[in-house]
Amino acid sequence: MEKVTVTVTNPVGLHARPASLLTKLVKGFECDIDFYKNGNASEKHQPKSILSVMALGAVKGDELTFEAKGKDEKEAIKAIEEFVKSGCGE
């Protein structure tokens, strides 16, 4: 399992457009991916589902932890980390 925690830097958080871009990004990986906000691992979400990403309600300053398990987990975590650190495509 690979894991990374990143801080949302996008001024408006993960609203519809960046949520859609994140979902599109992670759907390109075969591994299973979960993520949660601000250390609350009891409420994991599925980033391959736009509704799940939107339900998380991530705003600027929130810490998101992504966990990936499977064949391409390292590549997935690296791509997700770069995506969030770059401002979520905005």
PDB file of N, CA and C in Angstrom:
ATOM      1  N   MET A   1       0.835  -1.178   0.000  1.00  0.00           N
ATOM      2  CA  MET A   1       0.000   0.000   0.000  1.00  0.00           C
ATOM      3  C   MET A   1       0.883   1.246   0.000  1.00  0.00           C
ATOM      4  N   GLU A   2       0.496   2.202  -0.811  1.00  0.00           N
ATOM      5  CA  GLU A   2       1.148   3.504  -0.861  1.00  0.00           C
ATOM      6  C   GLU A   2       0.187   4.522  -0.281  1.00  0.00           C
ATOM      7  N   LYS A   3       0.748   5.546   0.358  1.00  0.00           N
ATOM      8  CA  LYS A   3      -0.076   6.540   1.032  1.00  0.00           C
ATOM      9  C   LYS A   3       0.595   7.907   0.937  1.00  0.00           C
ATOM     10  N   VAL A   4      -0.219   8.954   0.789  1.00  0.00           N
ATOM     11  CA  VAL A   4       0.297  10.322   0.781  1.00  0.00           C
ATOM     12  C   VAL A   4      -0.752  11.242   1.402  1.00  0.00           C
ATOM     13  N   THR A   5      -0.285  12.249   2.122  1.00  0.00           N
ATOM     14  CA  THR A   5      -1.165  13.281   2.667  1.00  0.00           C
ATOM     15  C   THR A   5      -0.754  14.607   2.050  1.00  0.00           C
ATOM     16  N   VAL A   6      -1.723  15.297   1.487  1.00  0.00           N
ATOM     17  CA  VAL A   6      -1.471  16.578   0.824  1.00  0.00           C
ATOM     18  C   VAL A   6      -2.474  17.612   1.329  1.00  0.00           C
ATOM     19  N   THR A   7      -2.099  18.869   1.239  1.00  0.00           N
ATOM     20  CA  THR A   7      -2.971  19.965   1.655  1.00  0.00           C
ATOM     21  C   THR A   7      -3.593  20.608   0.425  1.00  0.00           C
ATOM     22  N   VAL A   8      -4.893  20.824   0.474  1.00  0.00           N
ATOM     23  CA  VAL A   8      -5.601  21.483  -0.629  1.00  0.00           C
ATOM     24  C   VAL A   8      -5.167  22.943  -0.676  1.00  0.00           C
ATOM     25  N   THR A   9      -4.597  23.354  -1.806  1.00  0.00           N
ATOM     26  CA  THR A   9      -4.137  24.736  -1.973  1.00  0.00           C
ATOM     27  C   THR A   9      -5.043  25.548  -2.879  1.00  0.00           C
ATOM     28  N   ASN A  10      -5.917  24.873  -3.602  1.00  0.00           N
ATOM     29  CA  ASN A  10      -6.840  25.554  -4.495  1.00  0.00           C
ATOM     30  C   ASN A  10      -7.748  26.465  -3.650  1.00  0.00           C
ATOM     31  N   PRO A  11      -7.828  27.763  -3.960  1.00  0.00           N
ATOM     32  CA  PRO A  11      -8.600  28.705  -3.139  1.00  0.00           C
ATOM     33  C   PRO A  11     -10.064  28.318  -2.930  1.00  0.00           C
ATOM     34  N   VAL A  12     -10.659  27.607  -3.867  1.00  0.00           N
ATOM     35  CA  VAL A  12     -12.069  27.228  -3.730  1.00  0.00           C
ATOM     36  C   VAL A  12     -12.254  25.747  -3.426  1.00  0.00           C
ATOM     37  N   GLY A  13     -11.184  25.057  -3.102  1.00  0.00           N
ATOM     38  CA  GLY A  13     -11.279  23.650  -2.724  1.00  0.00           C
ATOM     39  C   GLY A  13     -11.593  22.741  -3.894  1.00  0.00           C
ATOM     40  N   LEU A  14     -12.172  21.593  -3.570  1.00  0.00           N
ATOM     41  CA  LEU A  14     -12.510  20.613  -4.609  1.00  0.00           C
ATOM     42  C   LEU A  14     -13.960  20.798  -5.053  1.00  0.00           C
ATOM     43  N   HIS A  15     -14.236  21.912  -5.702  1.00  0.00           N
ATOM     44  CA  HIS A  15     -15.573  22.121  -6.248  1.00  0.00           C
ATOM     45  C   HIS A  15     -15.728  21.272  -7.509  1.00  0.00           C
ATOM     46  N   ALA A  16     -16.781  21.442  -8.256  1.00  0.00           N
ATOM     47  CA  ALA A  16     -17.134  20.544  -9.359  1.00  0.00           C
ATOM     48  C   ALA A  16     -16.013  20.308 -10.381  1.00  0.00           C
ATOM     49  N   ARG A  17     -15.381  21.368 -10.856  1.00  0.00           N
ATOM     50  CA  ARG A  17     -14.368  21.188 -11.904  1.00  0.00           C
ATOM     51  C   ARG A  17     -13.155  20.400 -11.413  1.00  0.00           C
ATOM     52  N   PRO A  18     -12.486  20.795 -10.325  1.00  0.00           N
ATOM     53  CA  PRO A  18     -11.344  20.006  -9.880  1.00  0.00           C
ATOM     54  C   PRO A  18     -11.736  18.602  -9.399  1.00  0.00           C
ATOM     55  N   ALA A  19     -12.933  18.466  -8.864  1.00  0.00           N
ATOM     56  CA  ALA A  19     -13.399  17.134  -8.453  1.00  0.00           C
ATOM     57  C   ALA A  19     -13.517  16.232  -9.677  1.00  0.00           C
ATOM     58  N   SER A  20     -14.030  16.789 -10.765  1.00  0.00           N
ATOM     59  CA  SER A  20     -14.153  16.034 -12.010  1.00  0.00           C
ATOM     60  C   SER A  20     -12.782  15.656 -12.562  1.00  0.00           C
ATOM     61  N   LEU A  21     -11.839  16.587 -12.503  1.00  0.00           N
ATOM     62  CA  LEU A  21     -10.486  16.314 -12.990  1.00  0.00           C
ATOM     63  C   LEU A  21      -9.795  15.245 -12.142  1.00  0.00           C
ATOM     64  N   LEU A  22      -9.990  15.288 -10.830  1.00  0.00           N
ATOM     65  CA  LEU A  22      -9.414  14.265  -9.955  1.00  0.00           C
ATOM     66  C   LEU A  22      -9.999  12.900 -10.277  1.00  0.00           C
ATOM     67  N   THR A  23     -11.305  12.832 -10.440  1.00  0.00           N
ATOM     68  CA  THR A  23     -11.969  11.570 -10.765  1.00  0.00           C
ATOM     69  C   THR A  23     -11.445  11.014 -12.085  1.00  0.00           C
ATOM     70  N   LYS A  24     -11.322  11.874 -13.067  1.00  0.00           N
ATOM     71  CA  LYS A  24     -10.812  11.452 -14.377  1.00  0.00           C
ATOM     72  C   LYS A  24      -9.382  10.926 -14.249  1.00  0.00           C
ATOM     73  N   LEU A  25      -8.551  11.604 -13.454  1.00  0.00           N
ATOM     74  CA  LEU A  25      -7.167  11.192 -13.249  1.00  0.00           C
ATOM     75  C   LEU A  25      -7.093   9.795 -12.626  1.00  0.00           C
ATOM     76  N   VAL A  26      -7.805   9.585 -11.527  1.00  0.00           N
ATOM     77  CA  VAL A  26      -7.665   8.319 -10.803  1.00  0.00           C
ATOM     78  C   VAL A  26      -8.320   7.143 -11.520  1.00  0.00           C
ATOM     79  N   LYS A  27      -9.298   7.412 -12.384  1.00  0.00           N
ATOM     80  CA  LYS A  27      -9.910   6.327 -13.147  1.00  0.00           C
ATOM     81  C   LYS A  27      -8.917   5.692 -14.117  1.00  0.00           C
ATOM     82  N   GLY A  28      -7.823   6.377 -14.395  1.00  0.00           N
ATOM     83  CA  GLY A  28      -6.804   5.848 -15.283  1.00  0.00           C
ATOM     84  C   GLY A  28      -5.882   4.830 -14.620  1.00  0.00           C
ATOM     85  N   PHE A  29      -6.075   4.565 -13.346  1.00  0.00           N
ATOM     86  CA  PHE A  29      -5.244   3.611 -12.620  1.00  0.00           C
ATOM     87  C   PHE A  29      -6.060   2.389 -12.234  1.00  0.00           C
ATOM     88  N   GLU A  30      -5.412   1.238 -12.232  1.00  0.00           N
ATOM     89  CA  GLU A  30      -6.079  -0.017 -11.909  1.00  0.00           C
ATOM     90  C   GLU A  30      -6.228  -0.246 -10.413  1.00  0.00           C
ATOM     91  N   CYS A  31      -5.351   0.327  -9.621  1.00  0.00           N
ATOM     92  CA  CYS A  31      -5.343   0.066  -8.179  1.00  0.00           C
ATOM     93  C   CYS A  31      -6.602   0.608  -7.502  1.00  0.00           C
ATOM     94  N   ASP A  32      -6.872   0.083  -6.319  1.00  0.00           N
ATOM     95  CA  ASP A  32      -7.964   0.584  -5.490  1.00  0.00           C
ATOM     96  C   ASP A  32      -7.460   1.802  -4.726  1.00  0.00           C
ATOM     97  N   ILE A  33      -8.236   2.870  -4.730  1.00  0.00           N
ATOM     98  CA  ILE A  33      -7.830   4.110  -4.071  1.00  0.00           C
ATOM     99  C   ILE A  33      -8.953   4.573  -3.150  1.00  0.00           C
ATOM    100  N   ASP A  34      -8.576   4.925  -1.941  1.00  0.00           N
ATOM    101  CA  ASP A  34      -9.486   5.541  -0.972  1.00  0.00           C
ATOM    102  C   ASP A  34      -8.849   6.853  -0.538  1.00  0.00           C
ATOM    103  N   PHE A  35      -9.667   7.777  -0.057  1.00  0.00           N
ATOM    104  CA  PHE A  35      -9.107   8.979   0.547  1.00  0.00           C
ATOM    105  C   PHE A  35     -10.041   9.513   1.612  1.00  0.00           C
ATOM    106  N   TYR A  36      -9.440  10.287   2.520  1.00  0.00           N
ATOM    107  CA  TYR A  36     -10.196  10.873   3.608  1.00  0.00           C
ATOM    108  C   TYR A  36      -9.608  12.221   3.966  1.00  0.00           C
ATOM    109  N   LYS A  37     -10.385  12.973   4.730  1.00  0.00           N
ATOM    110  CA  LYS A  37     -10.046  14.368   5.022  1.00  0.00           C
ATOM    111  C   LYS A  37      -9.642  14.538   6.486  1.00  0.00           C
ATOM    112  N   ASN A  38      -8.587  15.320   6.691  1.00  0.00           N
ATOM    113  CA  ASN A  38      -8.144  15.752   8.021  1.00  0.00           C
ATOM    114  C   ASN A  38      -7.977  14.611   9.019  1.00  0.00           C
ATOM    115  N   GLY A  39      -7.397  13.507   8.558  1.00  0.00           N
ATOM    116  CA  GLY A  39      -7.071  12.389   9.431  1.00  0.00           C
ATOM    117  C   GLY A  39      -8.244  11.521   9.849  1.00  0.00           C
ATOM    118  N   ASN A  40      -9.424  11.766   9.321  1.00  0.00           N
ATOM    119  CA  ASN A  40     -10.616  11.022   9.706  1.00  0.00           C
ATOM    120  C   ASN A  40     -10.753   9.751   8.852  1.00  0.00           C
ATOM    121  N   ALA A  41      -9.931   8.740   9.145  1.00  0.00           N
ATOM    122  CA  ALA A  41      -9.900   7.508   8.355  1.00  0.00           C
ATOM    123  C   ALA A  41     -11.177   6.693   8.469  1.00  0.00           C
ATOM    124  N   SER A  42     -12.037   7.020   9.410  1.00  0.00           N
ATOM    125  CA  SER A  42     -13.291   6.281   9.539  1.00  0.00           C
ATOM    126  C   SER A  42     -14.309   6.696   8.467  1.00  0.00           C
ATOM    127  N   GLU A  43     -14.034   7.792   7.768  1.00  0.00           N
ATOM    128  CA  GLU A  43     -14.924   8.259   6.696  1.00  0.00           C
ATOM    129  C   GLU A  43     -14.179   8.300   5.368  1.00  0.00           C
ATOM    130  N   LYS A  44     -13.866   7.131   4.849  1.00  0.00           N
ATOM    131  CA  LYS A  44     -13.142   7.047   3.580  1.00  0.00           C
ATOM    132  C   LYS A  44     -14.090   7.250   2.406  1.00  0.00           C
ATOM    133  N   HIS A  45     -13.550   7.871   1.368  1.00  0.00           N
ATOM    134  CA  HIS A  45     -14.300   8.138   0.150  1.00  0.00           C
ATOM    135  C   HIS A  45     -13.577   7.514  -1.036  1.00  0.00           C
ATOM    136  N   GLN A  46     -14.303   7.354  -2.125  1.00  0.00           N
ATOM    137  CA  GLN A  46     -13.771   6.762  -3.348  1.00  0.00           C
ATOM    138  C   GLN A  46     -13.530   7.857  -4.389  1.00  0.00           C
ATOM    139  N   PRO A  47     -12.269   8.190  -4.689  1.00  0.00           N
ATOM    140  CA  PRO A  47     -12.027   9.267  -5.646  1.00  0.00           C
ATOM    141  C   PRO A  47     -12.387   8.921  -7.090  1.00  0.00           C
ATOM    142  N   LYS A  48     -12.724   7.664  -7.354  1.00  0.00           N
ATOM    143  CA  LYS A  48     -13.156   7.298  -8.709  1.00  0.00           C
ATOM    144  C   LYS A  48     -14.632   7.625  -8.920  1.00  0.00           C
ATOM    145  N   SER A  49     -15.280   8.159  -7.885  1.00  0.00           N
ATOM    146  CA  SER A  49     -16.687   8.559  -7.959  1.00  0.00           C
ATOM    147  C   SER A  49     -16.789  10.063  -7.715  1.00  0.00           C
ATOM    148  N   ILE A  50     -17.293  10.796  -8.694  1.00  0.00           N
ATOM    149  CA  ILE A  50     -17.423  12.245  -8.554  1.00  0.00           C
ATOM    150  C   ILE A  50     -18.327  12.603  -7.380  1.00  0.00           C
ATOM    151  N   LEU A  51     -19.369  11.828  -7.159  1.00  0.00           N
ATOM    152  CA  LEU A  51     -20.275  12.114  -6.043  1.00  0.00           C
ATOM    153  C   LEU A  51     -19.570  11.949  -4.705  1.00  0.00           C
ATOM    154  N   SER A  52     -18.710  10.955  -4.610  1.00  0.00           N
ATOM    155  CA  SER A  52     -17.955  10.729  -3.386  1.00  0.00           C
ATOM    156  C   SER A  52     -16.975  11.871  -3.129  1.00  0.00           C
ATOM    157  N   VAL A  53     -16.325  12.345  -4.185  1.00  0.00           N
ATOM    158  CA  VAL A  53     -15.377  13.463  -4.059  1.00  0.00           C
ATOM    159  C   VAL A  53     -16.122  14.725  -3.629  1.00  0.00           C
ATOM    160  N   MET A  54     -17.261  14.991  -4.234  1.00  0.00           N
ATOM    161  CA  MET A  54     -18.038  16.181  -3.885  1.00  0.00           C
ATOM    162  C   MET A  54     -18.580  16.088  -2.454  1.00  0.00           C
ATOM    163  N   ALA A  55     -18.966  14.889  -2.032  1.00  0.00           N
ATOM    164  CA  ALA A  55     -19.509  14.691  -0.688  1.00  0.00           C
ATOM    165  C   ALA A  55     -18.466  14.974   0.394  1.00  0.00           C
ATOM    166  N   LEU A  56     -17.204  14.824   0.047  1.00  0.00           N
ATOM    167  CA  LEU A  56     -16.135  15.077   1.011  1.00  0.00           C
ATOM    168  C   LEU A  56     -16.115  16.546   1.446  1.00  0.00           C
ATOM    169  N   GLY A  57     -16.437  17.447   0.524  1.00  0.00           N
ATOM    170  CA  GLY A  57     -16.491  18.873   0.851  1.00  0.00           C
ATOM    171  C   GLY A  57     -15.151  19.483   1.214  1.00  0.00           C
ATOM    172  N   ALA A  58     -14.095  19.096   0.509  1.00  0.00           N
ATOM    173  CA  ALA A  58     -12.751  19.601   0.814  1.00  0.00           C
ATOM    174  C   ALA A  58     -12.601  21.062   0.406  1.00  0.00           C
ATOM    175  N   VAL A  59     -12.070  21.855   1.328  1.00  0.00           N
ATOM    176  CA  VAL A  59     -11.823  23.272   1.072  1.00  0.00           C
ATOM    177  C   VAL A  59     -10.336  23.565   1.261  1.00  0.00           C
ATOM    178  N   LYS A  60      -9.931  24.768   0.876  1.00  0.00           N
ATOM    179  CA  LYS A  60      -8.533  25.165   1.014  1.00  0.00           C
ATOM    180  C   LYS A  60      -8.070  24.963   2.460  1.00  0.00           C
ATOM    181  N   GLY A  61      -6.905  24.340   2.599  1.00  0.00           N
ATOM    182  CA  GLY A  61      -6.329  24.089   3.912  1.00  0.00           C
ATOM    183  C   GLY A  61      -6.617  22.701   4.470  1.00  0.00           C
ATOM    184  N   ASP A  62      -7.603  22.006   3.913  1.00  0.00           N
ATOM    185  CA  ASP A  62      -7.880  20.643   4.367  1.00  0.00           C
ATOM    186  C   ASP A  62      -6.742  19.717   3.965  1.00  0.00           C
ATOM    187  N   GLU A  63      -6.453  18.742   4.815  1.00  0.00           N
ATOM    188  CA  GLU A  63      -5.461  17.717   4.491  1.00  0.00           C
ATOM    189  C   GLU A  63      -6.195  16.490   3.974  1.00  0.00           C
ATOM    190  N   LEU A  64      -5.796  16.033   2.798  1.00  0.00           N
ATOM    191  CA  LEU A  64      -6.381  14.845   2.200  1.00  0.00           C
ATOM    192  C   LEU A  64      -5.346  13.727   2.211  1.00  0.00           C
ATOM    193  N   THR A  65      -5.742  12.575   2.696  1.00  0.00           N
ATOM    194  CA  THR A  65      -4.865  11.416   2.699  1.00  0.00           C
ATOM    195  C   THR A  65      -5.404  10.414   1.688  1.00  0.00           C
ATOM    196  N   PHE A  66      -4.550  10.036   0.752  1.00  0.00           N
ATOM    197  CA  PHE A  66      -4.891   9.067  -0.277  1.00  0.00           C
ATOM    198  C   PHE A  66      -4.142   7.773  -0.004  1.00  0.00           C
ATOM    199  N   GLU A  67      -4.842   6.648  -0.114  1.00  0.00           N
ATOM    200  CA  GLU A  67      -4.239   5.328   0.045  1.00  0.00           C
ATOM    201  C   GLU A  67      -4.544   4.521  -1.205  1.00  0.00           C
ATOM    202  N   ALA A  68      -3.506   3.938  -1.781  1.00  0.00           N
ATOM    203  CA  ALA A  68      -3.673   3.139  -2.990  1.00  0.00           C
ATOM    204  C   ALA A  68      -3.108   1.737  -2.758  1.00  0.00           C
ATOM    205  N   LYS A  69      -3.838   0.740  -3.257  1.00  0.00           N
ATOM    206  CA  LYS A  69      -3.410  -0.655  -3.134  1.00  0.00           C
ATOM    207  C   LYS A  69      -3.587  -1.318  -4.483  1.00  0.00           C
ATOM    208  N   GLY A  70      -2.516  -1.913  -4.981  1.00  0.00           N
ATOM    209  CA  GLY A  70      -2.637  -2.630  -6.240  1.00  0.00           C
ATOM    210  C   GLY A  70      -1.456  -2.425  -7.160  1.00  0.00           C
ATOM    211  N   LYS A  71      -1.632  -2.904  -8.361  1.00  0.00           N
ATOM    212  CA  LYS A  71      -0.582  -2.984  -9.373  1.00  0.00           C
ATOM    213  C   LYS A  71       0.170  -1.665  -9.613  1.00  0.00           C
ATOM    214  N   ASP A  72      -0.540  -0.579  -9.810  1.00  0.00           N
ATOM    215  CA  ASP A  72       0.091   0.704 -10.155  1.00  0.00           C
ATOM    216  C   ASP A  72      -0.054   1.738  -9.034  1.00  0.00           C
ATOM    217  N   GLU A  73      -0.015   1.283  -7.795  1.00  0.00           N
ATOM    218  CA  GLU A  73      -0.227   2.162  -6.644  1.00  0.00           C
ATOM    219  C   GLU A  73       0.783   3.298  -6.543  1.00  0.00           C
ATOM    220  N   LYS A  74       2.044   3.017  -6.824  1.00  0.00           N
ATOM    221  CA  LYS A  74       3.075   4.069  -6.717  1.00  0.00           C
ATOM    222  C   LYS A  74       2.833   5.176  -7.728  1.00  0.00           C
ATOM    223  N   GLU A  75       2.514   4.800  -8.940  1.00  0.00           N
ATOM    224  CA  GLU A  75       2.257   5.781  -9.995  1.00  0.00           C
ATOM    225  C   GLU A  75       1.014   6.608  -9.662  1.00  0.00           C
ATOM    226  N   ALA A  76      -0.011   5.950  -9.130  1.00  0.00           N
ATOM    227  CA  ALA A  76      -1.254   6.643  -8.785  1.00  0.00           C
ATOM    228  C   ALA A  76      -1.000   7.685  -7.698  1.00  0.00           C
ATOM    229  N   ILE A  77      -0.302   7.295  -6.651  1.00  0.00           N
ATOM    230  CA  ILE A  77      -0.034   8.217  -5.549  1.00  0.00           C
ATOM    231  C   ILE A  77       0.797   9.406  -6.023  1.00  0.00           C
ATOM    232  N   LYS A  78       1.776   9.146  -6.861  1.00  0.00           N
ATOM    233  CA  LYS A  78       2.608  10.237  -7.389  1.00  0.00           C
ATOM    234  C   LYS A  78       1.762  11.207  -8.216  1.00  0.00           C
ATOM    235  N   ALA A  79       0.899  10.683  -9.078  1.00  0.00           N
ATOM    236  CA  ALA A  79       0.057  11.535  -9.925  1.00  0.00           C
ATOM    237  C   ALA A  79      -0.929  12.351  -9.092  1.00  0.00           C
ATOM    238  N   ILE A  80      -1.509  11.731  -8.074  1.00  0.00           N
ATOM    239  CA  ILE A  80      -2.453  12.434  -7.204  1.00  0.00           C
ATOM    240  C   ILE A  80      -1.744  13.545  -6.440  1.00  0.00           C
ATOM    241  N   GLU A  81      -0.578  13.240  -5.908  1.00  0.00           N
ATOM    242  CA  GLU A  81       0.188  14.239  -5.165  1.00  0.00           C
ATOM    243  C   GLU A  81       0.514  15.445  -6.036  1.00  0.00           C
ATOM    244  N   GLU A  82       0.958  15.202  -7.255  1.00  0.00           N
ATOM    245  CA  GLU A  82       1.274  16.292  -8.187  1.00  0.00           C
ATOM    246  C   GLU A  82       0.033  17.107  -8.534  1.00  0.00           C
ATOM    247  N   PHE A  83      -1.090  16.421  -8.735  1.00  0.00           N
ATOM    248  CA  PHE A  83      -2.346  17.086  -9.075  1.00  0.00           C
ATOM    249  C   PHE A  83      -2.777  18.052  -7.971  1.00  0.00           C
ATOM    250  N   VAL A  84      -2.790  17.585  -6.735  1.00  0.00           N
ATOM    251  CA  VAL A  84      -3.246  18.428  -5.627  1.00  0.00           C
ATOM    252  C   VAL A  84      -2.261  19.560  -5.372  1.00  0.00           C
ATOM    253  N   LYS A  85      -0.963  19.257  -5.397  1.00  0.00           N
ATOM    254  CA  LYS A  85       0.042  20.295  -5.142  1.00  0.00           C
ATOM    255  C   LYS A  85       0.055  21.370  -6.229  1.00  0.00           C
ATOM    256  N   SER A  86      -0.389  21.020  -7.429  1.00  0.00           N
ATOM    257  CA  SER A  86      -0.403  21.992  -8.525  1.00  0.00           C
ATOM    258  C   SER A  86      -1.678  22.843  -8.539  1.00  0.00           C
ATOM    259  N   GLY A  87      -2.547  22.665  -7.553  1.00  0.00           N
ATOM    260  CA  GLY A  87      -3.759  23.488  -7.488  1.00  0.00           C
ATOM    261  C   GLY A  87      -4.985  22.808  -8.053  1.00  0.00           C
ATOM    262  N   CYS A  88      -4.935  21.512  -8.209  1.00  0.00           N
ATOM    263  CA  CYS A  88      -6.092  20.733  -8.665  1.00  0.00           C
ATOM    264  C   CYS A  88      -6.565  21.117 -10.064  1.00  0.00           C
ATOM    265  N   GLY A  89      -5.612  21.417 -10.934  1.00  0.00           N
ATOM    266  CA  GLY A  89      -5.966  21.722 -12.314  1.00  0.00           C
ATOM    267  C   GLY A  89      -6.514  23.109 -12.556  1.00  0.00           C
ATOM    268  N   GLU A  90      -6.409  23.977 -11.578  1.00  0.00           N
ATOM    269  CA  GLU A  90      -6.952  25.331 -11.730  1.00  0.00           C
ATOM    270  C   GLU A  90      -5.829  26.332 -11.907  1.00  0.00           C
TER     271      GLU A  90
END
